[in-house]
Amino acid sequence: MIENYKGWDITLNWDNKDHLKRDNTKSNFFNQKEKWIGVHLNGEKIYGSSLKEIRHIIDYPSLHAN
């Protein structure tokens, strides 16, 4: 875990199996959109391309609604 922010554990998403497949190729810009993951105590998950984006999603969830 990188940090705990307002009840969310935020970390780098190294569990991405797709990353391991693409790492041997020239395009190692694997899934930049899902590079970071935030997991809430209730099990909810959010993904983002940076720590700053994850914090923003936590602070302003209505701006990031699907």
C-alpha atoms as a PDB file:
ATOM      1  CA  MET A   1       0.000   0.000   0.000  1.00  0.00           C
ATOM      2  CA  ILE A   2       1.287   3.447  -0.916  1.00  0.00           C
ATOM      3  CA  GLU A   3      -1.092   5.381   1.340  1.00  0.00           C
ATOM      4  CA  ASN A   4      -4.429   5.364   3.086  1.00  0.00           C
ATOM      5  CA  TYR A   5      -6.574   8.293   1.954  1.00  0.00           C
ATOM      6  CA  LYS A   6      -9.976   8.860   3.577  1.00  0.00           C
ATOM      7  CA  GLY A   7     -10.549   5.154   4.178  1.00  0.00           C
ATOM      8  CA  TRP A   8      -9.139   4.029   0.823  1.00  0.00           C
ATOM      9  CA  ASP A   9      -5.979   1.929   0.510  1.00  0.00           C
ATOM     10  CA  ILE A  10      -4.171   3.207  -2.583  1.00  0.00           C
ATOM     11  CA  THR A  11      -1.461   1.220  -4.321  1.00  0.00           C
ATOM     12  CA  LEU A  12       0.086   0.490  -7.694  1.00  0.00           C
ATOM     13  CA  ASN A  13      -1.790  -2.183  -9.629  1.00  0.00           C
ATOM     14  CA  TRP A  14       0.961  -4.772 -10.126  1.00  0.00           C
ATOM     15  CA  ASP A  15      -1.560  -7.650 -10.237  1.00  0.00           C
ATOM     16  CA  ASN A  16      -2.381  -6.856 -13.844  1.00  0.00           C
ATOM     17  CA  LYS A  17      -1.518 -10.024 -15.807  1.00  0.00           C
ATOM     18  CA  ASP A  18      -1.736  -8.084 -19.082  1.00  0.00           C
ATOM     19  CA  HIS A  19       1.285  -6.066 -17.933  1.00  0.00           C
ATOM     20  CA  LEU A  20       3.444  -9.182 -17.750  1.00  0.00           C
ATOM     21  CA  LYS A  21       2.555 -10.162 -21.310  1.00  0.00           C
ATOM     22  CA  ARG A  22       3.231  -6.735 -22.792  1.00  0.00           C
ATOM     23  CA  ASP A  23       6.375  -5.999 -20.813  1.00  0.00           C
ATOM     24  CA  ASN A  24       8.532  -7.906 -23.319  1.00  0.00           C
ATOM     25  CA  THR A  25       7.362  -5.734 -26.220  1.00  0.00           C
ATOM     26  CA  LYS A  26       8.218  -2.184 -27.092  1.00  0.00           C
ATOM     27  CA  SER A  27       4.853  -0.889 -25.831  1.00  0.00           C
ATOM     28  CA  ASN A  28       5.314  -1.091 -22.091  1.00  0.00           C
ATOM     29  CA  PHE A  29       2.743   1.668 -21.605  1.00  0.00           C
ATOM     30  CA  PHE A  30       0.470  -1.009 -20.172  1.00  0.00           C
ATOM     31  CA  ASN A  31      -3.015  -0.014 -19.113  1.00  0.00           C
ATOM     32  CA  GLN A  32      -2.026   3.477 -18.001  1.00  0.00           C
ATOM     33  CA  LYS A  33      -5.677   4.135 -17.192  1.00  0.00           C
ATOM     34  CA  GLU A  34      -5.616   1.408 -14.533  1.00  0.00           C
ATOM     35  CA  LYS A  35      -2.090   1.816 -13.214  1.00  0.00           C
ATOM     36  CA  TRP A  36      -3.281   2.800  -9.703  1.00  0.00           C
ATOM     37  CA  ILE A  37      -6.004   1.127  -7.662  1.00  0.00           C
ATOM     38  CA  GLY A  38      -7.923   2.318  -4.624  1.00  0.00           C
ATOM     39  CA  VAL A  39      -9.752  -0.188  -2.426  1.00  0.00           C
ATOM     40  CA  HIS A  40     -12.292   1.020   0.122  1.00  0.00           C
ATOM     41  CA  LEU A  41     -12.976  -0.767   3.396  1.00  0.00           C
ATOM     42  CA  ASN A  42     -16.316  -1.969   1.966  1.00  0.00           C
ATOM     43  CA  GLY A  43     -14.539  -3.642  -0.992  1.00  0.00           C
ATOM     44  CA  GLU A  44     -15.331  -1.005  -3.625  1.00  0.00           C
ATOM     45  CA  LYS A  45     -12.489  -0.446  -6.125  1.00  0.00           C
ATOM     46  CA  ILE A  46     -11.510   2.522  -8.257  1.00  0.00           C
ATOM     47  CA  TYR A  47      -8.802   2.767 -10.890  1.00  0.00           C
ATOM     48  CA  GLY A  48      -6.770   5.689 -12.164  1.00  0.00           C
ATOM     49  CA  SER A  49      -3.644   6.624 -14.057  1.00  0.00           C
ATOM     50  CA  SER A  50      -2.029   8.483 -11.143  1.00  0.00           C
ATOM     51  CA  LEU A  51      -2.160   8.887  -7.389  1.00  0.00           C
ATOM     52  CA  LYS A  52      -3.503  12.409  -7.937  1.00  0.00           C
ATOM     53  CA  GLU A  53      -6.341  11.085 -10.110  1.00  0.00           C
ATOM     54  CA  ILE A  54      -7.303   8.476  -7.487  1.00  0.00           C
ATOM     55  CA  ARG A  55      -7.458  11.185  -4.801  1.00  0.00           C
ATOM     56  CA  HIS A  56      -9.594  13.354  -7.114  1.00  0.00           C
ATOM     57  CA  ILE A  57     -12.025  10.487  -7.750  1.00  0.00           C
ATOM     58  CA  ILE A  58     -12.339   9.954  -3.994  1.00  0.00           C
ATOM     59  CA  ASP A  59     -12.889  13.674  -3.331  1.00  0.00           C
ATOM     60  CA  TYR A  60     -15.299  14.286  -6.247  1.00  0.00           C
ATOM     61  CA  PRO A  61     -17.049  10.995  -7.102  1.00  0.00           C
ATOM     62  CA  SER A  62     -19.927  12.697  -8.957  1.00  0.00           C
ATOM     63  CA  LEU A  63     -17.496  14.081 -11.540  1.00  0.00           C
ATOM     64  CA  HIS A  64     -16.302  10.551 -12.372  1.00  0.00           C
ATOM     65  CA  ALA A  65     -19.627   8.690 -12.486  1.00  0.00           C
ATOM     66  CA  ASN A  66     -19.939   6.323 -15.436  1.00  0.00           C
END
